[in-house]
Amino acid sequence: MPEERGAAAVSPGTLPPGLTEEEAEELRLELTKVEEEIHTLRQVLSAKEHHASELKRKLGLSPLTEFKQNITKSWQDVQTSNAYLSASATLDDISSSEVYKKTQETLSQAGQKTSAALSTVGTAISRKLGDMRNSPTFKSFEDKVGNIKYKVVGGKANGESAHSPNESNPMQDNAPF
């Protein structure tokens, strides 16, 4: 069952304390009149909105264009706000201070030194790996791995098959050594 609203929702039988029947009737009439005005205003607003959208369409203004204009306007408002101007001035003061300049210079030097140190470490590691590869111990290890490969894979060398060429399914050499 729908719930009644507005003037129709106030039943004539129940009166708030201190209110006469005549005062209640007068208030009901006024409420009805105000509700009718609200309804009329909503209709007028709807018609005005429709008319405005037609004018925008005729002028070639799309919702996207309006959105862009709103964003631009909002950004301009932000840039001219006291908070933004104050923050901007504070950042300018900080970036021109001696402490900031010294900190920036120190961090720049630290970065350069760190880069140089890492480069030196990389060069040293490359040199040590090269020395290790040429060492007798590594050569001996390499020979042993080669022997194991020969025993596991068979008598193949660089992709040559140890099987006869007449085989229909020769093994492939995919070993990393």
N, C-alpha and C. Protein backbone atom coordinates (compact mmCIF):
# COMPACT_ATOMS: atom_id res chain seq x y z
N MET A 1 0.85 -1.17 0.00
CA MET A 1 0.00 0.00 0.00
C MET A 1 0.90 1.24 0.00
N PRO A 2 0.74 2.18 -0.94
CA PRO A 2 1.62 3.34 -1.00
C PRO A 2 1.39 4.27 0.18
N GLU A 3 2.51 4.85 0.63
CA GLU A 3 2.47 5.76 1.75
C GLU A 3 2.17 7.16 1.24
N GLU A 4 1.24 7.85 1.90
CA GLU A 4 0.89 9.21 1.47
C GLU A 4 1.93 10.18 2.00
N ARG A 5 2.15 11.24 1.23
CA ARG A 5 3.12 12.26 1.62
C ARG A 5 2.47 13.62 1.54
N GLY A 6 3.14 14.59 2.14
CA GLY A 6 2.72 15.98 2.02
C GLY A 6 1.44 16.25 2.78
N ALA A 7 0.61 17.11 2.22
CA ALA A 7 -0.63 17.55 2.88
C ALA A 7 -1.59 16.40 3.06
N ALA A 8 -1.60 15.45 2.17
CA ALA A 8 -2.53 14.34 2.25
C ALA A 8 -2.14 13.38 3.38
N ALA A 9 -0.91 13.39 3.82
CA ALA A 9 -0.44 12.49 4.87
C ALA A 9 -0.90 12.95 6.24
N VAL A 10 -1.25 14.21 6.40
CA VAL A 10 -1.71 14.73 7.70
C VAL A 10 -3.20 14.47 7.80
N SER A 11 -3.55 13.61 8.73
CA SER A 11 -4.98 13.29 8.87
C SER A 11 -5.66 14.35 9.73
N PRO A 12 -6.88 14.72 9.35
CA PRO A 12 -7.58 15.78 10.09
C PRO A 12 -7.94 15.36 11.51
N GLY A 13 -8.01 14.07 11.81
CA GLY A 13 -8.41 13.62 13.13
C GLY A 13 -7.33 13.76 14.19
N THR A 14 -6.06 13.75 13.78
CA THR A 14 -4.98 13.84 14.76
C THR A 14 -4.32 15.20 14.65
N LEU A 15 -4.45 15.97 15.70
CA LEU A 15 -3.86 17.31 15.73
C LEU A 15 -2.73 17.34 16.75
N PRO A 16 -1.63 17.98 16.40
CA PRO A 16 -0.56 18.14 17.38
C PRO A 16 -1.08 18.98 18.55
N PRO A 17 -0.53 18.79 19.75
CA PRO A 17 -0.99 19.55 20.91
C PRO A 17 -0.80 21.05 20.69
N GLY A 18 -1.77 21.85 21.09
CA GLY A 18 -1.69 23.31 20.99
C GLY A 18 -2.08 23.84 19.62
N LEU A 19 -2.65 23.01 18.74
CA LEU A 19 -3.03 23.44 17.40
C LEU A 19 -4.53 23.24 17.23
N THR A 20 -5.20 24.30 16.81
CA THR A 20 -6.65 24.21 16.61
C THR A 20 -6.93 23.64 15.24
N GLU A 21 -8.18 23.24 15.04
CA GLU A 21 -8.60 22.68 13.75
C GLU A 21 -8.44 23.70 12.63
N GLU A 22 -8.74 24.93 12.87
CA GLU A 22 -8.60 25.99 11.86
C GLU A 22 -7.13 26.20 11.49
N GLU A 23 -6.25 26.23 12.50
CA GLU A 23 -4.81 26.41 12.24
C GLU A 23 -4.26 25.23 11.44
N ALA A 24 -4.69 24.03 11.79
CA ALA A 24 -4.25 22.83 11.07
C ALA A 24 -4.71 22.88 9.62
N GLU A 25 -5.95 23.27 9.38
CA GLU A 25 -6.47 23.36 8.02
C GLU A 25 -5.69 24.40 7.23
N GLU A 26 -5.39 25.52 7.86
CA GLU A 26 -4.61 26.58 7.21
C GLU A 26 -3.20 26.08 6.85
N LEU A 27 -2.59 25.34 7.75
CA LEU A 27 -1.24 24.78 7.48
C LEU A 27 -1.30 23.74 6.36
N ARG A 28 -2.38 22.92 6.33
CA ARG A 28 -2.52 21.92 5.25
C ARG A 28 -2.64 22.60 3.90
N LEU A 29 -3.41 23.67 3.83
CA LEU A 29 -3.57 24.40 2.58
C LEU A 29 -2.24 25.02 2.14
N GLU A 30 -1.52 25.58 3.12
CA GLU A 30 -0.22 26.19 2.79
C GLU A 30 0.76 25.12 2.31
N LEU A 31 0.75 23.96 2.97
CA LEU A 31 1.63 22.85 2.56
C LEU A 31 1.29 22.39 1.15
N THR A 32 0.03 22.26 0.85
CA THR A 32 -0.39 21.86 -0.50
C THR A 32 0.09 22.88 -1.53
N LYS A 33 -0.05 24.13 -1.21
CA LYS A 33 0.37 25.20 -2.12
C LYS A 33 1.88 25.16 -2.36
N VAL A 34 2.65 24.96 -1.29
CA VAL A 34 4.12 24.89 -1.41
C VAL A 34 4.52 23.68 -2.23
N GLU A 35 3.89 22.53 -2.01
CA GLU A 35 4.21 21.33 -2.78
C GLU A 35 3.89 21.52 -4.26
N GLU A 36 2.81 22.20 -4.57
CA GLU A 36 2.48 22.50 -5.97
C GLU A 36 3.52 23.42 -6.59
N GLU A 37 4.00 24.40 -5.81
CA GLU A 37 5.05 25.30 -6.31
C GLU A 37 6.34 24.53 -6.58
N ILE A 38 6.68 23.62 -5.67
CA ILE A 38 7.89 22.79 -5.86
C ILE A 38 7.76 21.98 -7.14
N HIS A 39 6.61 21.39 -7.35
CA HIS A 39 6.37 20.60 -8.57
C HIS A 39 6.51 21.48 -9.81
N THR A 40 5.93 22.67 -9.76
CA THR A 40 6.02 23.60 -10.89
C THR A 40 7.47 24.00 -11.14
N LEU A 41 8.19 24.30 -10.07
CA LEU A 41 9.60 24.69 -10.22
C LEU A 41 10.44 23.56 -10.81
N ARG A 42 10.13 22.33 -10.43
CA ARG A 42 10.85 21.17 -11.00
C ARG A 42 10.59 21.08 -12.50
N GLN A 43 9.36 21.29 -12.90
CA GLN A 43 9.02 21.26 -14.32
C GLN A 43 9.73 22.37 -15.07
N VAL A 44 9.76 23.58 -14.50
CA VAL A 44 10.43 24.71 -15.15
C VAL A 44 11.92 24.42 -15.26
N LEU A 45 12.53 23.89 -14.17
CA LEU A 45 13.96 23.56 -14.20
C LEU A 45 14.26 22.52 -15.26
N SER A 46 13.43 21.50 -15.36
CA SER A 46 13.62 20.47 -16.38
C SER A 46 13.56 21.06 -17.78
N ALA A 47 12.60 21.94 -18.01
CA ALA A 47 12.47 22.58 -19.33
C ALA A 47 13.69 23.45 -19.62
N LYS A 48 14.17 24.17 -18.61
CA LYS A 48 15.36 25.03 -18.79
C LYS A 48 16.60 24.18 -19.09
N GLU A 49 16.75 23.06 -18.39
CA GLU A 49 17.89 22.17 -18.64
C GLU A 49 17.83 21.62 -20.05
N HIS A 50 16.64 21.23 -20.50
CA HIS A 50 16.47 20.72 -21.86
C HIS A 50 16.83 21.81 -22.88
N HIS A 51 16.37 23.02 -22.64
CA HIS A 51 16.65 24.14 -23.54
C HIS A 51 18.16 24.42 -23.58
N ALA A 52 18.81 24.39 -22.43
CA ALA A 52 20.26 24.62 -22.36
C ALA A 52 21.02 23.55 -23.13
N SER A 53 20.60 22.29 -22.99
CA SER A 53 21.29 21.22 -23.72
C SER A 53 21.09 21.37 -25.23
N GLU A 54 19.93 21.82 -25.67
CA GLU A 54 19.70 22.07 -27.09
C GLU A 54 20.61 23.20 -27.60
N LEU A 55 20.72 24.26 -26.82
CA LEU A 55 21.60 25.38 -27.22
C LEU A 55 23.06 24.92 -27.31
N LYS A 56 23.50 24.12 -26.34
CA LYS A 56 24.88 23.60 -26.37
C LYS A 56 25.09 22.72 -27.59
N ARG A 57 24.08 21.89 -27.90
CA ARG A 57 24.22 21.02 -29.08
C ARG A 57 24.35 21.85 -30.34
N LYS A 58 23.55 22.92 -30.45
CA LYS A 58 23.61 23.79 -31.63
C LYS A 58 24.94 24.52 -31.71
N LEU A 59 25.53 24.82 -30.56
CA LEU A 59 26.83 25.51 -30.55
C LEU A 59 28.00 24.55 -30.72
N GLY A 60 27.71 23.25 -30.72
CA GLY A 60 28.77 22.26 -30.91
C GLY A 60 29.52 21.95 -29.62
N LEU A 61 28.94 22.27 -28.50
CA LEU A 61 29.58 21.98 -27.21
C LEU A 61 29.17 20.58 -26.76
N SER A 62 30.16 19.71 -26.67
CA SER A 62 29.89 18.34 -26.23
C SER A 62 30.18 18.23 -24.73
N PRO A 63 29.70 17.17 -24.11
CA PRO A 63 30.02 16.96 -22.70
C PRO A 63 31.53 16.88 -22.46
N LEU A 64 32.27 16.31 -23.42
CA LEU A 64 33.72 16.22 -23.27
C LEU A 64 34.35 17.61 -23.28
N THR A 65 33.88 18.47 -24.17
CA THR A 65 34.39 19.85 -24.22
C THR A 65 34.11 20.56 -22.91
N GLU A 66 32.89 20.39 -22.40
CA GLU A 66 32.55 21.00 -21.11
C GLU A 66 33.43 20.47 -20.00
N PHE A 67 33.68 19.16 -20.02
CA PHE A 67 34.53 18.55 -19.01
C PHE A 67 35.94 19.14 -19.05
N LYS A 68 36.48 19.27 -20.27
CA LYS A 68 37.82 19.86 -20.42
C LYS A 68 37.84 21.29 -19.89
N GLN A 69 36.80 22.05 -20.21
CA GLN A 69 36.74 23.43 -19.73
C GLN A 69 36.65 23.48 -18.20
N ASN A 70 35.88 22.57 -17.63
CA ASN A 70 35.76 22.51 -16.17
C ASN A 70 37.08 22.15 -15.51
N ILE A 71 37.80 21.21 -16.10
CA ILE A 71 39.10 20.81 -15.56
C ILE A 71 40.07 21.99 -15.64
N THR A 72 40.11 22.66 -16.79
CA THR A 72 41.01 23.81 -16.96
C THR A 72 40.68 24.90 -15.94
N LYS A 73 39.42 25.18 -15.78
CA LYS A 73 38.99 26.21 -14.82
C LYS A 73 39.37 25.80 -13.40
N SER A 74 39.13 24.54 -13.06
CA SER A 74 39.47 24.06 -11.72
C SER A 74 40.97 24.15 -11.46
N TRP A 75 41.79 23.80 -12.46
CA TRP A 75 43.24 23.87 -12.31
C TRP A 75 43.68 25.32 -12.12
N GLN A 76 43.07 26.22 -12.88
CA GLN A 76 43.39 27.65 -12.71
C GLN A 76 42.99 28.12 -11.31
N ASP A 77 41.86 27.66 -10.82
CA ASP A 77 41.43 28.01 -9.46
C ASP A 77 42.42 27.49 -8.42
N VAL A 78 42.90 26.27 -8.63
CA VAL A 78 43.89 25.70 -7.69
C VAL A 78 45.17 26.54 -7.71
N GLN A 79 45.63 26.89 -8.91
CA GLN A 79 46.89 27.63 -9.03
C GLN A 79 46.80 29.03 -8.44
N THR A 80 45.61 29.58 -8.35
CA THR A 80 45.48 30.92 -7.79
C THR A 80 45.02 30.88 -6.33
N SER A 81 44.84 29.67 -5.78
CA SER A 81 44.41 29.56 -4.38
C SER A 81 45.55 29.94 -3.44
N ASN A 82 45.18 30.40 -2.27
CA ASN A 82 46.18 30.79 -1.28
C ASN A 82 47.04 29.60 -0.85
N ALA A 83 46.44 28.44 -0.69
CA ALA A 83 47.20 27.26 -0.27
C ALA A 83 48.26 26.90 -1.30
N TYR A 84 47.88 26.91 -2.57
CA TYR A 84 48.85 26.57 -3.63
C TYR A 84 49.96 27.60 -3.70
N LEU A 85 49.59 28.86 -3.65
CA LEU A 85 50.60 29.92 -3.73
C LEU A 85 51.54 29.85 -2.53
N SER A 86 51.00 29.57 -1.37
CA SER A 86 51.83 29.46 -0.17
C SER A 86 52.78 28.27 -0.27
N ALA A 87 52.26 27.13 -0.70
CA ALA A 87 53.10 25.94 -0.85
C ALA A 87 54.17 26.16 -1.92
N SER A 88 53.80 26.78 -3.00
CA SER A 88 54.76 27.06 -4.07
C SER A 88 55.87 27.98 -3.57
N ALA A 89 55.51 29.01 -2.83
CA ALA A 89 56.51 29.94 -2.29
C ALA A 89 57.43 29.22 -1.31
N THR A 90 56.86 28.34 -0.50
CA THR A 90 57.67 27.58 0.46
C THR A 90 58.66 26.68 -0.27
N LEU A 91 58.20 25.99 -1.32
CA LEU A 91 59.09 25.12 -2.10
C LEU A 91 60.19 25.93 -2.78
N ASP A 92 59.84 27.12 -3.27
CA ASP A 92 60.85 27.99 -3.88
C ASP A 92 61.89 28.39 -2.85
N ASP A 93 61.42 28.73 -1.63
CA ASP A 93 62.35 29.11 -0.57
C ASP A 93 63.27 27.96 -0.20
N ILE A 94 62.69 26.77 -0.12
CA ILE A 94 63.50 25.59 0.23
C ILE A 94 64.54 25.32 -0.84
N SER A 95 64.13 25.35 -2.12
CA SER A 95 65.06 25.01 -3.20
C SER A 95 66.15 26.06 -3.38
N SER A 96 65.94 27.25 -2.88
CA SER A 96 67.00 28.27 -2.99
C SER A 96 67.80 28.41 -1.71
N SER A 97 67.51 27.60 -0.70
CA SER A 97 68.25 27.69 0.57
C SER A 97 69.60 27.01 0.45
N GLU A 98 70.52 27.41 1.30
CA GLU A 98 71.87 26.85 1.30
C GLU A 98 71.85 25.38 1.71
N VAL A 99 71.01 25.04 2.68
CA VAL A 99 70.93 23.66 3.14
C VAL A 99 70.52 22.74 2.00
N TYR A 100 69.52 23.17 1.23
CA TYR A 100 69.06 22.36 0.10
C TYR A 100 70.17 22.19 -0.93
N LYS A 101 70.86 23.29 -1.23
CA LYS A 101 71.94 23.22 -2.23
C LYS A 101 73.07 22.30 -1.76
N LYS A 102 73.42 22.38 -0.47
CA LYS A 102 74.49 21.52 0.05
C LYS A 102 74.05 20.05 0.03
N THR A 103 72.80 19.81 0.41
CA THR A 103 72.28 18.43 0.40
C THR A 103 72.26 17.88 -1.03
N GLN A 104 71.82 18.69 -1.97
CA GLN A 104 71.77 18.27 -3.36
C GLN A 104 73.18 17.96 -3.87
N GLU A 105 74.13 18.79 -3.53
CA GLU A 105 75.52 18.59 -3.97
C GLU A 105 76.10 17.32 -3.34
N THR A 106 75.84 17.13 -2.05
CA THR A 106 76.35 15.94 -1.35
C THR A 106 75.76 14.67 -1.95
N LEU A 107 74.46 14.66 -2.19
CA LEU A 107 73.83 13.48 -2.77
C LEU A 107 74.33 13.21 -4.18
N SER A 108 74.59 14.25 -4.93
CA SER A 108 75.13 14.10 -6.28
C SER A 108 76.52 13.47 -6.23
N GLN A 109 77.36 13.96 -5.32
CA GLN A 109 78.71 13.40 -5.18
C GLN A 109 78.65 11.95 -4.71
N ALA A 110 77.75 11.67 -3.78
CA ALA A 110 77.60 10.29 -3.29
C ALA A 110 77.18 9.37 -4.43
N GLY A 111 76.27 9.83 -5.27
CA GLY A 111 75.85 9.03 -6.42
C GLY A 111 76.99 8.76 -7.38
N GLN A 112 77.79 9.77 -7.64
CA GLN A 112 78.93 9.59 -8.55
C GLN A 112 79.94 8.61 -7.98
N LYS A 113 80.23 8.74 -6.67
CA LYS A 113 81.20 7.84 -6.04
C LYS A 113 80.67 6.41 -6.00
N THR A 114 79.38 6.26 -5.74
CA THR A 114 78.77 4.92 -5.72
C THR A 114 78.84 4.29 -7.11
N SER A 115 78.57 5.08 -8.12
CA SER A 115 78.63 4.58 -9.49
C SER A 115 80.05 4.14 -9.84
N ALA A 116 81.02 4.96 -9.47
CA ALA A 116 82.42 4.61 -9.75
C ALA A 116 82.82 3.35 -8.99
N ALA A 117 82.40 3.22 -7.74
CA ALA A 117 82.74 2.04 -6.94
C ALA A 117 82.12 0.78 -7.54
N LEU A 118 80.86 0.86 -7.95
CA LEU A 118 80.22 -0.31 -8.55
C LEU A 118 80.87 -0.68 -9.87
N SER A 119 81.30 0.29 -10.62
CA SER A 119 82.00 0.02 -11.87
C SER A 119 83.31 -0.70 -11.60
N THR A 120 84.04 -0.25 -10.59
CA THR A 120 85.31 -0.88 -10.22
C THR A 120 85.09 -2.32 -9.75
N VAL A 121 84.05 -2.54 -8.94
CA VAL A 121 83.73 -3.88 -8.46
C VAL A 121 83.39 -4.78 -9.64
N GLY A 122 82.60 -4.28 -10.58
CA GLY A 122 82.24 -5.07 -11.75
C GLY A 122 83.45 -5.45 -12.58
N THR A 123 84.35 -4.52 -12.75
CA THR A 123 85.58 -4.80 -13.50
C THR A 123 86.42 -5.84 -12.79
N ALA A 124 86.54 -5.72 -11.46
CA ALA A 124 87.33 -6.68 -10.68
C ALA A 124 86.73 -8.07 -10.76
N ILE A 125 85.41 -8.16 -10.68
CA ILE A 125 84.75 -9.47 -10.76
C ILE A 125 84.97 -10.09 -12.14
N SER A 126 84.84 -9.28 -13.19
CA SER A 126 85.07 -9.80 -14.54
C SER A 126 86.50 -10.32 -14.69
N ARG A 127 87.44 -9.57 -14.16
CA ARG A 127 88.85 -9.98 -14.26
C ARG A 127 89.08 -11.28 -13.49
N LYS A 128 88.52 -11.40 -12.29
CA LYS A 128 88.70 -12.61 -11.48
C LYS A 128 88.07 -13.82 -12.16
N LEU A 129 86.89 -13.63 -12.75
CA LEU A 129 86.26 -14.75 -13.46
C LEU A 129 87.11 -15.19 -14.66
N GLY A 130 87.68 -14.22 -15.35
CA GLY A 130 88.56 -14.55 -16.47
C GLY A 130 89.80 -15.29 -15.99
N ASP A 131 90.37 -14.83 -14.88
CA ASP A 131 91.55 -15.51 -14.32
C ASP A 131 91.18 -16.93 -13.88
N MET A 132 90.01 -17.08 -13.27
CA MET A 132 89.59 -18.39 -12.79
C MET A 132 89.38 -19.34 -13.97
N ARG A 133 88.82 -18.83 -15.06
CA ARG A 133 88.57 -19.70 -16.22
C ARG A 133 89.88 -20.20 -16.82
N ASN A 134 90.92 -19.39 -16.72
CA ASN A 134 92.21 -19.78 -17.27
C ASN A 134 93.08 -20.54 -16.27
N SER A 135 92.59 -20.75 -15.07
CA SER A 135 93.39 -21.44 -14.04
C SER A 135 93.44 -22.94 -14.31
N PRO A 136 94.51 -23.58 -13.83
CA PRO A 136 94.64 -25.04 -14.02
C PRO A 136 93.50 -25.82 -13.35
N THR A 137 93.00 -25.33 -12.23
CA THR A 137 91.92 -26.02 -11.54
C THR A 137 90.66 -26.04 -12.41
N PHE A 138 90.34 -24.90 -13.00
CA PHE A 138 89.16 -24.82 -13.85
C PHE A 138 89.34 -25.67 -15.10
N LYS A 139 90.55 -25.64 -15.67
CA LYS A 139 90.81 -26.46 -16.87
C LYS A 139 90.61 -27.93 -16.54
N SER A 140 91.09 -28.36 -15.34
CA SER A 140 90.93 -29.74 -14.93
C SER A 140 89.45 -30.07 -14.76
N PHE A 141 88.71 -29.16 -14.13
CA PHE A 141 87.27 -29.35 -13.94
C PHE A 141 86.56 -29.45 -15.29
N GLU A 142 86.95 -28.57 -16.23
CA GLU A 142 86.34 -28.56 -17.56
C GLU A 142 86.61 -29.87 -18.28
N ASP A 143 87.81 -30.39 -18.14
CA ASP A 143 88.14 -31.67 -18.77
C ASP A 143 87.30 -32.81 -18.19
N LYS A 144 87.12 -32.78 -16.85
CA LYS A 144 86.33 -33.83 -16.21
C LYS A 144 84.87 -33.76 -16.66
N VAL A 145 84.32 -32.56 -16.75
CA VAL A 145 82.94 -32.41 -17.21
C VAL A 145 82.83 -32.88 -18.65
N GLY A 146 83.82 -32.56 -19.45
CA GLY A 146 83.82 -33.02 -20.84
C GLY A 146 83.84 -34.53 -20.93
N ASN A 147 84.64 -35.18 -20.07
CA ASN A 147 84.70 -36.65 -20.06
C ASN A 147 83.35 -37.23 -19.64
N ILE A 148 82.74 -36.63 -18.65
CA ILE A 148 81.43 -37.12 -18.19
C ILE A 148 80.40 -36.97 -19.31
N LYS A 149 80.47 -35.86 -20.01
CA LYS A 149 79.55 -35.63 -21.11
C LYS A 149 79.75 -36.69 -22.18
N TYR A 150 80.99 -37.01 -22.45
CA TYR A 150 81.29 -38.00 -23.48
C TYR A 150 80.73 -39.36 -23.08
N LYS A 151 80.86 -39.66 -21.78
CA LYS A 151 80.37 -40.96 -21.32
C LYS A 151 78.84 -41.01 -21.32
N VAL A 152 78.18 -39.90 -20.99
CA VAL A 152 76.72 -39.88 -20.91
C VAL A 152 76.10 -39.79 -22.29
N VAL A 153 76.58 -38.86 -23.11
CA VAL A 153 75.97 -38.59 -24.40
C VAL A 153 76.49 -39.55 -25.47
N GLY A 154 77.70 -39.90 -25.38
CA GLY A 154 78.26 -40.80 -26.37
C GLY A 154 79.33 -40.10 -27.18
N GLY A 155 79.80 -40.74 -28.20
CA GLY A 155 80.91 -40.23 -29.00
C GLY A 155 80.48 -39.21 -30.03
N LYS A 156 79.83 -38.16 -29.63
CA LYS A 156 79.42 -37.10 -30.54
C LYS A 156 80.31 -35.90 -30.31
N ALA A 157 80.55 -35.18 -31.36
CA ALA A 157 81.30 -33.94 -31.23
C ALA A 157 80.59 -32.85 -32.00
N ASN A 158 80.18 -31.79 -31.34
CA ASN A 158 79.54 -30.62 -31.95
C ASN A 158 78.40 -30.97 -32.89
N GLY A 159 77.43 -31.71 -32.42
CA GLY A 159 76.24 -31.97 -33.20
C GLY A 159 76.33 -33.18 -34.10
N GLU A 160 77.49 -33.85 -34.16
CA GLU A 160 77.60 -35.04 -35.00
C GLU A 160 76.92 -36.19 -34.27
N SER A 161 76.28 -37.01 -35.00
CA SER A 161 75.55 -38.13 -34.41
C SER A 161 76.48 -39.32 -34.25
N ALA A 162 76.35 -39.99 -33.11
CA ALA A 162 77.12 -41.21 -32.88
C ALA A 162 76.41 -42.40 -33.50
N HIS A 163 75.21 -42.18 -33.95
CA HIS A 163 74.42 -43.25 -34.55
C HIS A 163 74.62 -43.25 -36.05
N SER A 164 74.20 -44.31 -36.67
CA SER A 164 74.38 -44.41 -38.12
C SER A 164 73.44 -43.46 -38.84
N PRO A 165 73.82 -42.98 -40.01
CA PRO A 165 72.98 -42.05 -40.76
C PRO A 165 71.67 -42.68 -41.21
N ASN A 166 71.55 -44.00 -41.17
CA ASN A 166 70.34 -44.67 -41.61
C ASN A 166 69.25 -44.68 -40.55
N GLU A 167 69.58 -44.27 -39.31
CA GLU A 167 68.57 -44.27 -38.25
C GLU A 167 67.49 -43.25 -38.56
N SER A 168 66.25 -43.64 -38.23
CA SER A 168 65.15 -42.73 -38.54
C SER A 168 64.96 -41.65 -37.47
N ASN A 169 65.44 -41.85 -36.24
CA ASN A 169 65.22 -40.89 -35.17
C ASN A 169 66.54 -40.65 -34.43
N PRO A 170 67.48 -39.88 -35.00
CA PRO A 170 68.75 -39.67 -34.33
C PRO A 170 68.57 -38.77 -33.09
N MET A 171 69.44 -38.96 -32.08
CA MET A 171 69.41 -38.13 -30.86
C MET A 171 69.95 -36.75 -31.20
N GLN A 172 69.41 -35.75 -30.53
CA GLN A 172 69.91 -34.39 -30.72
C GLN A 172 70.79 -34.02 -29.56
N ASP A 173 71.82 -33.23 -29.83
CA ASP A 173 72.76 -32.80 -28.79
C ASP A 173 72.27 -31.45 -28.25
N ASN A 174 71.57 -31.46 -27.13
CA ASN A 174 71.09 -30.24 -26.52
C ASN A 174 71.81 -29.94 -25.22
N ALA A 175 72.90 -30.64 -24.95
CA ALA A 175 73.63 -30.44 -23.70
C ALA A 175 74.30 -29.07 -23.70
N PRO A 176 74.40 -28.42 -22.52
CA PRO A 176 74.95 -27.08 -22.45
C PRO A 176 76.47 -27.02 -22.62
N PHE A 177 77.17 -28.18 -22.64
CA PHE A 177 78.63 -28.14 -22.72
C PHE A 177 79.12 -28.38 -24.10
